[in-house]
Amino acid sequence: MVYSTLDQISMEKTPAYSLHPNVPAMVKALLPDVKLIIIMRDPVERAISDFVHDITLPKGCDFFIHSEINNTFEESVIDSNGRVKVETIPEYFNPEQILVLDGEAFIKNPYPAVKLVEQFLGVRDYFTRDHFYYEVQKGFFCLNKPIPNNCMRRAKGRLIRK
């Protein structure tokens, strides 16, 4: 994680954290006041997205991204006590430390979600609707300000075929 001063906010994005049972306790011990933003998606669509991403990694890629994929989807997301693995997060963090966003709504219109994130983090009101534009070829929204046509790298998103 990058270093930040007391007047800065550092952000890090890794969905794999939710799959490891020891991570919430470790995060709580190191960063007791951390705020967590969880973007939930349809689990089947998410699994398909992960699979498509993994099979499109460049040849010669010598790392494996998802270490908790088991024989079945259920084994991958349900722990030995029968609980969904992400459910360990509320055991360690207060509700005011957690913002849960609807991933499908975020994909279709990121602006309302970004406004919620600003409020949740207590940062100044910055984003407007014209910060975003819809990238037709990728099938999702991208940022248009402060850098015009600022979109995720080519490996993100898939061409939309109808």
N, C-alpha and C. Protein backbone atom coordinates (compact mmCIF):
# COMPACT_ATOMS: atom_id res chain seq x y z
N MET A 1 0.84 -1.18 0.00
CA MET A 1 0.00 0.00 0.00
C MET A 1 0.88 1.24 0.00
N VAL A 2 0.44 2.28 -0.67
CA VAL A 2 1.22 3.50 -0.74
C VAL A 2 1.18 4.22 0.60
N TYR A 3 2.26 4.95 0.88
CA TYR A 3 2.29 5.78 2.08
C TYR A 3 1.43 7.01 1.86
N SER A 4 0.82 7.48 2.93
CA SER A 4 0.06 8.71 2.85
C SER A 4 0.25 9.49 4.14
N THR A 5 0.06 10.80 4.04
CA THR A 5 0.16 11.65 5.22
C THR A 5 -1.19 11.64 5.94
N LEU A 6 -1.26 12.26 7.10
CA LEU A 6 -2.49 12.28 7.88
C LEU A 6 -3.64 12.98 7.17
N ASP A 7 -3.32 13.90 6.25
CA ASP A 7 -4.38 14.62 5.53
C ASP A 7 -4.70 13.98 4.17
N GLN A 8 -4.20 12.80 3.91
CA GLN A 8 -4.46 12.10 2.66
C GLN A 8 -5.23 10.81 2.92
N ILE A 9 -5.87 10.31 1.87
CA ILE A 9 -6.57 9.03 1.93
C ILE A 9 -5.89 8.09 0.95
N SER A 10 -5.52 6.91 1.42
CA SER A 10 -4.96 5.88 0.55
C SER A 10 -6.06 4.88 0.24
N MET A 11 -6.06 4.41 -1.00
CA MET A 11 -7.05 3.41 -1.40
C MET A 11 -6.33 2.23 -2.04
N GLU A 12 -6.90 1.05 -1.86
CA GLU A 12 -6.34 -0.16 -2.42
C GLU A 12 -7.50 -1.05 -2.83
N LYS A 13 -7.38 -1.73 -3.95
CA LYS A 13 -8.47 -2.55 -4.47
C LYS A 13 -7.98 -3.97 -4.71
N THR A 14 -8.54 -4.91 -3.97
CA THR A 14 -8.21 -6.31 -4.18
C THR A 14 -9.38 -7.18 -3.76
N PRO A 15 -10.16 -7.69 -4.71
CA PRO A 15 -11.29 -8.54 -4.32
C PRO A 15 -10.88 -9.84 -3.66
N ALA A 16 -9.66 -10.30 -3.90
CA ALA A 16 -9.22 -11.58 -3.32
C ALA A 16 -9.14 -11.54 -1.80
N TYR A 17 -9.05 -10.34 -1.21
CA TYR A 17 -8.99 -10.25 0.25
C TYR A 17 -10.18 -10.93 0.91
N SER A 18 -11.34 -10.83 0.30
CA SER A 18 -12.55 -11.36 0.91
C SER A 18 -12.54 -12.89 0.98
N LEU A 19 -11.66 -13.53 0.25
CA LEU A 19 -11.61 -14.99 0.23
C LEU A 19 -10.72 -15.59 1.31
N HIS A 20 -9.91 -14.80 1.95
CA HIS A 20 -8.97 -15.32 2.93
C HIS A 20 -9.48 -15.04 4.33
N PRO A 21 -9.76 -16.09 5.13
CA PRO A 21 -10.42 -15.92 6.42
C PRO A 21 -9.62 -15.09 7.44
N ASN A 22 -8.31 -15.02 7.33
CA ASN A 22 -7.51 -14.29 8.31
C ASN A 22 -7.37 -12.80 8.01
N VAL A 23 -7.72 -12.40 6.80
CA VAL A 23 -7.49 -11.01 6.39
C VAL A 23 -8.27 -9.99 7.22
N PRO A 24 -9.58 -10.17 7.48
CA PRO A 24 -10.27 -9.14 8.26
C PRO A 24 -9.63 -8.86 9.62
N ALA A 25 -9.22 -9.89 10.34
CA ALA A 25 -8.57 -9.70 11.65
C ALA A 25 -7.24 -8.97 11.48
N MET A 26 -6.48 -9.31 10.45
CA MET A 26 -5.20 -8.64 10.22
C MET A 26 -5.40 -7.17 9.88
N VAL A 27 -6.37 -6.88 9.02
CA VAL A 27 -6.65 -5.50 8.65
C VAL A 27 -7.09 -4.71 9.87
N LYS A 28 -7.98 -5.29 10.67
CA LYS A 28 -8.47 -4.61 11.88
C LYS A 28 -7.31 -4.32 12.84
N ALA A 29 -6.39 -5.25 13.00
CA ALA A 29 -5.25 -5.05 13.89
C ALA A 29 -4.33 -3.94 13.40
N LEU A 30 -4.10 -3.88 12.09
CA LEU A 30 -3.19 -2.88 11.53
C LEU A 30 -3.85 -1.53 11.28
N LEU A 31 -5.13 -1.55 10.89
CA LEU A 31 -5.84 -0.32 10.52
C LEU A 31 -7.22 -0.31 11.18
N PRO A 32 -7.29 -0.09 12.48
CA PRO A 32 -8.57 -0.21 13.19
C PRO A 32 -9.66 0.76 12.72
N ASP A 33 -9.28 1.89 12.15
CA ASP A 33 -10.26 2.88 11.71
C ASP A 33 -10.50 2.85 10.20
N VAL A 34 -10.02 1.83 9.53
CA VAL A 34 -10.15 1.72 8.08
C VAL A 34 -11.62 1.74 7.67
N LYS A 35 -11.88 2.26 6.49
CA LYS A 35 -13.22 2.20 5.90
C LYS A 35 -13.15 1.25 4.72
N LEU A 36 -14.12 0.36 4.65
CA LEU A 36 -14.17 -0.66 3.60
C LEU A 36 -15.31 -0.37 2.64
N ILE A 37 -15.02 -0.46 1.37
CA ILE A 37 -16.03 -0.31 0.33
C ILE A 37 -16.12 -1.65 -0.37
N ILE A 38 -17.29 -2.26 -0.31
CA ILE A 38 -17.51 -3.57 -0.91
C ILE A 38 -18.48 -3.41 -2.06
N ILE A 39 -18.06 -3.80 -3.25
CA ILE A 39 -18.93 -3.75 -4.42
C ILE A 39 -19.37 -5.18 -4.70
N MET A 40 -20.67 -5.42 -4.54
CA MET A 40 -21.22 -6.75 -4.72
C MET A 40 -21.76 -6.91 -6.13
N ARG A 41 -21.49 -8.08 -6.71
CA ARG A 41 -22.02 -8.42 -8.03
C ARG A 41 -22.73 -9.76 -7.95
N ASP A 42 -23.49 -10.05 -8.96
CA ASP A 42 -24.09 -11.36 -9.08
C ASP A 42 -22.95 -12.39 -9.04
N PRO A 43 -23.01 -13.36 -8.11
CA PRO A 43 -21.87 -14.28 -7.95
C PRO A 43 -21.56 -15.11 -9.18
N VAL A 44 -22.56 -15.47 -9.95
CA VAL A 44 -22.31 -16.26 -11.16
C VAL A 44 -21.61 -15.40 -12.20
N GLU A 45 -22.09 -14.16 -12.39
CA GLU A 45 -21.43 -13.27 -13.34
C GLU A 45 -20.00 -12.97 -12.91
N ARG A 46 -19.78 -12.80 -11.61
CA ARG A 46 -18.44 -12.53 -11.10
C ARG A 46 -17.51 -13.71 -11.36
N ALA A 47 -18.01 -14.92 -11.13
CA ALA A 47 -17.20 -16.11 -11.37
C ALA A 47 -16.84 -16.23 -12.84
N ILE A 48 -17.80 -15.97 -13.72
CA ILE A 48 -17.54 -16.02 -15.16
C ILE A 48 -16.51 -14.95 -15.54
N SER A 49 -16.65 -13.75 -14.98
CA SER A 49 -15.71 -12.67 -15.25
C SER A 49 -14.29 -13.06 -14.83
N ASP A 50 -14.16 -13.65 -13.63
CA ASP A 50 -12.84 -14.11 -13.17
C ASP A 50 -12.26 -15.15 -14.11
N PHE A 51 -13.09 -16.10 -14.53
CA PHE A 51 -12.63 -17.15 -15.43
C PHE A 51 -12.15 -16.56 -16.75
N VAL A 52 -12.95 -15.67 -17.34
CA VAL A 52 -12.57 -15.04 -18.61
C VAL A 52 -11.28 -14.26 -18.44
N HIS A 53 -11.15 -13.55 -17.32
CA HIS A 53 -9.92 -12.79 -17.07
C HIS A 53 -8.72 -13.72 -16.98
N ASP A 54 -8.85 -14.81 -16.22
CA ASP A 54 -7.73 -15.73 -16.04
C ASP A 54 -7.30 -16.39 -17.34
N ILE A 55 -8.25 -16.77 -18.20
CA ILE A 55 -7.85 -17.45 -19.43
C ILE A 55 -7.31 -16.48 -20.47
N THR A 56 -7.47 -15.18 -20.25
CA THR A 56 -6.94 -14.21 -21.21
C THR A 56 -5.65 -13.57 -20.73
N LEU A 57 -5.04 -14.10 -19.64
CA LEU A 57 -3.76 -13.58 -19.20
C LEU A 57 -2.70 -13.85 -20.27
N PRO A 58 -1.72 -12.97 -20.41
CA PRO A 58 -0.69 -13.17 -21.43
C PRO A 58 0.09 -14.47 -21.22
N LYS A 59 0.51 -15.07 -22.33
CA LYS A 59 1.34 -16.28 -22.23
C LYS A 59 2.63 -15.94 -21.48
N GLY A 60 3.07 -16.89 -20.66
CA GLY A 60 4.28 -16.66 -19.88
C GLY A 60 4.01 -16.00 -18.55
N CYS A 61 2.75 -15.69 -18.25
CA CYS A 61 2.40 -15.08 -16.98
C CYS A 61 2.63 -16.13 -15.90
N ASP A 62 3.48 -15.83 -14.92
CA ASP A 62 3.88 -16.85 -13.97
C ASP A 62 3.24 -16.70 -12.59
N PHE A 63 2.05 -16.15 -12.53
CA PHE A 63 1.37 -16.07 -11.24
C PHE A 63 -0.09 -16.48 -11.41
N PHE A 64 -0.69 -16.91 -10.33
CA PHE A 64 -2.09 -17.32 -10.33
C PHE A 64 -2.84 -16.38 -9.41
N ILE A 65 -3.82 -15.69 -9.94
CA ILE A 65 -4.49 -14.62 -9.22
C ILE A 65 -5.42 -15.15 -8.13
N HIS A 66 -6.20 -16.15 -8.39
CA HIS A 66 -7.25 -16.57 -7.47
C HIS A 66 -6.86 -17.87 -6.79
N SER A 67 -6.43 -17.78 -5.54
CA SER A 67 -5.92 -18.96 -4.84
C SER A 67 -7.01 -19.74 -4.12
N GLU A 68 -8.24 -19.28 -4.09
CA GLU A 68 -9.29 -19.94 -3.34
C GLU A 68 -10.36 -20.56 -4.23
N ILE A 69 -10.05 -20.83 -5.49
CA ILE A 69 -11.02 -21.48 -6.36
C ILE A 69 -10.95 -22.98 -6.08
N ASN A 70 -12.09 -23.54 -5.70
CA ASN A 70 -12.16 -24.96 -5.34
C ASN A 70 -12.93 -25.74 -6.40
N ASN A 71 -13.28 -26.99 -6.08
CA ASN A 71 -13.97 -27.84 -7.05
C ASN A 71 -15.31 -27.30 -7.47
N THR A 72 -16.05 -26.70 -6.55
CA THR A 72 -17.36 -26.16 -6.88
C THR A 72 -17.42 -24.70 -6.46
N PHE A 73 -18.39 -23.98 -7.01
CA PHE A 73 -18.59 -22.58 -6.63
C PHE A 73 -18.89 -22.49 -5.14
N GLU A 74 -19.75 -23.41 -4.63
CA GLU A 74 -20.12 -23.38 -3.21
C GLU A 74 -18.89 -23.54 -2.32
N GLU A 75 -18.00 -24.46 -2.65
CA GLU A 75 -16.78 -24.67 -1.87
C GLU A 75 -15.88 -23.43 -1.91
N SER A 76 -15.97 -22.66 -2.98
CA SER A 76 -15.13 -21.47 -3.12
C SER A 76 -15.62 -20.30 -2.29
N VAL A 77 -16.92 -20.24 -2.01
CA VAL A 77 -17.46 -19.07 -1.31
C VAL A 77 -18.02 -19.36 0.08
N ILE A 78 -18.21 -20.64 0.43
CA ILE A 78 -18.76 -21.01 1.74
C ILE A 78 -17.64 -21.58 2.61
N ASP A 79 -17.53 -21.07 3.85
CA ASP A 79 -16.47 -21.58 4.73
C ASP A 79 -16.90 -22.89 5.41
N SER A 80 -16.03 -23.46 6.24
CA SER A 80 -16.30 -24.75 6.87
C SER A 80 -17.48 -24.70 7.85
N ASN A 81 -17.87 -23.51 8.30
CA ASN A 81 -19.02 -23.36 9.20
C ASN A 81 -20.32 -23.10 8.44
N GLY A 82 -20.27 -23.13 7.10
CA GLY A 82 -21.46 -22.91 6.30
C GLY A 82 -21.80 -21.45 6.06
N ARG A 83 -20.88 -20.54 6.38
CA ARG A 83 -21.12 -19.10 6.18
C ARG A 83 -20.44 -18.64 4.90
N VAL A 84 -21.04 -17.61 4.27
CA VAL A 84 -20.41 -17.00 3.11
C VAL A 84 -19.13 -16.34 3.61
N LYS A 85 -18.01 -16.57 2.92
CA LYS A 85 -16.71 -16.12 3.41
C LYS A 85 -16.63 -14.62 3.65
N VAL A 86 -17.29 -13.80 2.85
CA VAL A 86 -17.22 -12.35 3.03
C VAL A 86 -17.93 -11.91 4.32
N GLU A 87 -18.76 -12.80 4.88
CA GLU A 87 -19.49 -12.45 6.09
C GLU A 87 -18.59 -12.29 7.31
N THR A 88 -17.33 -12.66 7.24
CA THR A 88 -16.44 -12.46 8.38
C THR A 88 -16.12 -10.98 8.58
N ILE A 89 -16.30 -10.17 7.58
CA ILE A 89 -15.98 -8.75 7.68
C ILE A 89 -16.79 -8.05 8.77
N PRO A 90 -18.13 -8.24 8.86
CA PRO A 90 -18.88 -7.56 9.92
C PRO A 90 -18.50 -7.99 11.34
N GLU A 91 -17.85 -9.11 11.50
CA GLU A 91 -17.39 -9.53 12.83
C GLU A 91 -16.29 -8.63 13.36
N TYR A 92 -15.57 -7.94 12.50
CA TYR A 92 -14.42 -7.15 12.90
C TYR A 92 -14.63 -5.64 12.76
N PHE A 93 -15.58 -5.22 11.96
CA PHE A 93 -15.74 -3.80 11.68
C PHE A 93 -17.15 -3.32 12.01
N ASN A 94 -17.25 -2.08 12.47
CA ASN A 94 -18.54 -1.48 12.77
C ASN A 94 -19.26 -1.16 11.46
N PRO A 95 -20.59 -1.14 11.49
CA PRO A 95 -21.34 -0.85 10.25
C PRO A 95 -20.95 0.48 9.60
N GLU A 96 -20.59 1.50 10.41
CA GLU A 96 -20.22 2.79 9.83
C GLU A 96 -18.86 2.76 9.13
N GLN A 97 -18.14 1.65 9.24
CA GLN A 97 -16.86 1.49 8.54
C GLN A 97 -17.03 0.78 7.21
N ILE A 98 -18.25 0.35 6.89
CA ILE A 98 -18.49 -0.46 5.70
C ILE A 98 -19.52 0.20 4.80
N LEU A 99 -19.17 0.37 3.53
CA LEU A 99 -20.11 0.83 2.51
C LEU A 99 -20.25 -0.29 1.49
N VAL A 100 -21.47 -0.76 1.29
CA VAL A 100 -21.73 -1.82 0.31
C VAL A 100 -22.43 -1.19 -0.88
N LEU A 101 -21.88 -1.41 -2.07
CA LEU A 101 -22.45 -0.86 -3.30
C LEU A 101 -22.92 -1.99 -4.21
N ASP A 102 -23.96 -1.72 -4.95
CA ASP A 102 -24.50 -2.65 -5.94
C ASP A 102 -23.64 -2.55 -7.20
N GLY A 103 -22.91 -3.60 -7.50
CA GLY A 103 -22.01 -3.60 -8.65
C GLY A 103 -22.71 -3.40 -9.98
N GLU A 104 -23.89 -3.97 -10.14
CA GLU A 104 -24.63 -3.80 -11.40
C GLU A 104 -25.05 -2.35 -11.58
N ALA A 105 -25.54 -1.73 -10.52
CA ALA A 105 -25.93 -0.32 -10.59
C ALA A 105 -24.71 0.55 -10.89
N PHE A 106 -23.57 0.21 -10.29
CA PHE A 106 -22.33 0.96 -10.52
C PHE A 106 -21.90 0.88 -11.98
N ILE A 107 -22.01 -0.29 -12.57
CA ILE A 107 -21.63 -0.47 -13.97
C ILE A 107 -22.54 0.35 -14.89
N LYS A 108 -23.85 0.33 -14.59
CA LYS A 108 -24.82 1.03 -15.45
C LYS A 108 -24.76 2.54 -15.30
N ASN A 109 -24.42 3.02 -14.09
CA ASN A 109 -24.37 4.46 -13.84
C ASN A 109 -23.48 4.71 -12.62
N PRO A 110 -22.19 4.95 -12.82
CA PRO A 110 -21.27 5.08 -11.68
C PRO A 110 -21.45 6.36 -10.85
N TYR A 111 -22.06 7.37 -11.42
CA TYR A 111 -22.14 8.67 -10.73
C TYR A 111 -22.78 8.59 -9.34
N PRO A 112 -23.98 7.99 -9.16
CA PRO A 112 -24.56 7.94 -7.81
C PRO A 112 -23.67 7.21 -6.81
N ALA A 113 -23.02 6.13 -7.25
CA ALA A 113 -22.15 5.38 -6.35
C ALA A 113 -20.93 6.21 -5.94
N VAL A 114 -20.37 6.95 -6.88
CA VAL A 114 -19.21 7.79 -6.59
C VAL A 114 -19.59 8.87 -5.58
N LYS A 115 -20.80 9.40 -5.70
CA LYS A 115 -21.27 10.40 -4.73
C LYS A 115 -21.40 9.78 -3.33
N LEU A 116 -21.89 8.54 -3.25
CA LEU A 116 -21.97 7.85 -1.97
C LEU A 116 -20.58 7.63 -1.37
N VAL A 117 -19.62 7.28 -2.21
CA VAL A 117 -18.25 7.07 -1.74
C VAL A 117 -17.67 8.38 -1.19
N GLU A 118 -17.89 9.48 -1.88
CA GLU A 118 -17.43 10.79 -1.38
C GLU A 118 -17.99 11.06 0.01
N GLN A 119 -19.28 10.84 0.18
CA GLN A 119 -19.91 11.08 1.48
C GLN A 119 -19.36 10.12 2.53
N PHE A 120 -19.25 8.85 2.19
CA PHE A 120 -18.76 7.83 3.12
C PHE A 120 -17.35 8.15 3.61
N LEU A 121 -16.49 8.58 2.70
CA LEU A 121 -15.10 8.89 3.06
C LEU A 121 -14.94 10.27 3.68
N GLY A 122 -15.98 11.09 3.56
CA GLY A 122 -15.91 12.44 4.12
C GLY A 122 -14.99 13.35 3.33
N VAL A 123 -14.94 13.14 2.02
CA VAL A 123 -14.11 14.00 1.17
C VAL A 123 -15.00 15.04 0.50
N ARG A 124 -14.37 16.06 -0.03
CA ARG A 124 -15.13 17.15 -0.64
C ARG A 124 -15.94 16.66 -1.84
N ASP A 125 -17.02 17.34 -2.10
CA ASP A 125 -17.89 17.05 -3.23
C ASP A 125 -17.13 17.42 -4.51
N TYR A 126 -16.75 16.44 -5.31
CA TYR A 126 -15.89 16.69 -6.46
C TYR A 126 -16.53 16.26 -7.78
N PHE A 127 -16.99 15.03 -7.87
CA PHE A 127 -17.43 14.47 -9.14
C PHE A 127 -18.78 15.03 -9.58
N THR A 128 -18.90 15.25 -10.89
CA THR A 128 -20.16 15.63 -11.52
C THR A 128 -20.45 14.58 -12.60
N ARG A 129 -21.65 14.61 -13.13
CA ARG A 129 -22.01 13.63 -14.16
C ARG A 129 -21.09 13.71 -15.38
N ASP A 130 -20.60 14.91 -15.71
CA ASP A 130 -19.78 15.03 -16.92
C ASP A 130 -18.34 14.55 -16.71
N HIS A 131 -18.03 14.02 -15.54
CA HIS A 131 -16.74 13.36 -15.34
C HIS A 131 -16.70 11.98 -16.00
N PHE A 132 -17.87 11.46 -16.39
CA PHE A 132 -17.98 10.11 -16.91
C PHE A 132 -18.51 10.10 -18.34
N TYR A 133 -18.06 9.12 -19.12
CA TYR A 133 -18.62 8.91 -20.44
C TYR A 133 -18.73 7.40 -20.67
N TYR A 134 -19.65 7.02 -21.51
CA TYR A 134 -19.86 5.61 -21.79
C TYR A 134 -19.00 5.19 -22.97
N GLU A 135 -18.14 4.19 -22.76
CA GLU A 135 -17.27 3.66 -23.81
C GLU A 135 -17.99 2.50 -24.49
N VAL A 136 -18.53 2.75 -25.66
CA VAL A 136 -19.38 1.80 -26.36
C VAL A 136 -18.65 0.48 -26.63
N GLN A 137 -17.41 0.54 -27.11
CA GLN A 137 -16.69 -0.69 -27.46
C GLN A 137 -16.41 -1.56 -26.24
N LYS A 138 -16.15 -0.97 -25.09
CA LYS A 138 -15.88 -1.75 -23.89
C LYS A 138 -17.17 -2.13 -23.17
N GLY A 139 -18.19 -1.31 -23.32
CA GLY A 139 -19.47 -1.61 -22.68
C GLY A 139 -19.57 -1.12 -21.25
N PHE A 140 -18.76 -0.13 -20.87
CA PHE A 140 -18.86 0.44 -19.53
C PHE A 140 -18.42 1.90 -19.52
N PHE A 141 -18.64 2.55 -18.37
CA PHE A 141 -18.29 3.96 -18.23
C PHE A 141 -16.80 4.13 -17.93
N CYS A 142 -16.27 5.27 -18.38
CA CYS A 142 -14.88 5.65 -18.14
C CYS A 142 -14.87 7.10 -17.64
N LEU A 143 -13.73 7.52 -17.12
CA LEU A 143 -13.58 8.91 -16.68
C LEU A 143 -13.24 9.80 -17.87
N ASN A 144 -13.77 11.00 -17.85
CA ASN A 144 -13.50 11.97 -18.90
C ASN A 144 -12.73 13.18 -18.37
N LYS A 145 -12.64 13.32 -17.06
CA LYS A 145 -11.92 14.43 -16.42
C LYS A 145 -11.14 13.89 -15.25
N PRO A 146 -10.06 14.43 -14.86
CA PRO A 146 -9.37 15.57 -15.45
C PRO A 146 -8.60 15.22 -16.72
N ILE A 147 -8.46 13.91 -17.01
CA ILE A 147 -7.78 13.48 -18.24
C ILE A 147 -8.85 12.99 -19.21
N PRO A 148 -8.98 13.60 -20.39
CA PRO A 148 -10.00 13.15 -21.36
C PRO A 148 -9.78 11.69 -21.77
N ASN A 149 -10.89 10.99 -21.96
CA ASN A 149 -10.87 9.60 -22.44
C ASN A 149 -9.98 8.69 -21.60
N ASN A 150 -10.08 8.83 -20.28
CA ASN A 150 -9.29 8.03 -19.35
C ASN A 150 -10.06 6.76 -19.02
N CYS A 151 -9.63 5.65 -19.62
CA CYS A 151 -10.35 4.39 -19.44
C CYS A 151 -9.37 3.30 -19.00
N MET A 152 -9.92 2.21 -18.47
CA MET A 152 -9.07 1.12 -18.04
C MET A 152 -8.29 0.54 -19.21
N ARG A 153 -7.22 -0.12 -18.89
CA ARG A 153 -6.35 -0.69 -19.92
C ARG A 153 -7.11 -1.68 -20.80
N ARG A 154 -6.53 -2.01 -21.89
CA ARG A 154 -7.16 -2.85 -22.91
C ARG A 154 -7.64 -4.19 -22.37
N ALA A 155 -6.95 -4.77 -21.37
CA ALA A 155 -7.33 -6.07 -20.83
C ALA A 155 -8.63 -6.04 -20.05
N LYS A 156 -9.06 -4.84 -19.62
CA LYS A 156 -10.31 -4.71 -18.87
C LYS A 156 -11.46 -4.52 -19.83
N GLY A 157 -12.56 -5.15 -19.51
CA GLY A 157 -13.75 -5.03 -20.34
C GLY A 157 -13.65 -5.98 -21.53
N ARG A 158 -14.75 -6.22 -22.14
CA ARG A 158 -14.81 -7.10 -23.30
C ARG A 158 -15.64 -6.43 -24.37
N LEU A 159 -15.35 -6.70 -25.61
CA LEU A 159 -16.16 -6.16 -26.69
C LEU A 159 -17.59 -6.69 -26.57
N ILE A 160 -18.54 -5.81 -26.76
CA ILE A 160 -19.95 -6.18 -26.68
C ILE A 160 -20.40 -6.67 -28.04
N ARG A 161 -20.91 -7.89 -28.08
CA ARG A 161 -21.42 -8.44 -29.33
C ARG A 161 -22.89 -8.71 -29.15
N LYS A 162 -23.67 -8.23 -30.10
CA LYS A 162 -25.12 -8.44 -30.00
C LYS A 162 -25.62 -9.26 -31.15
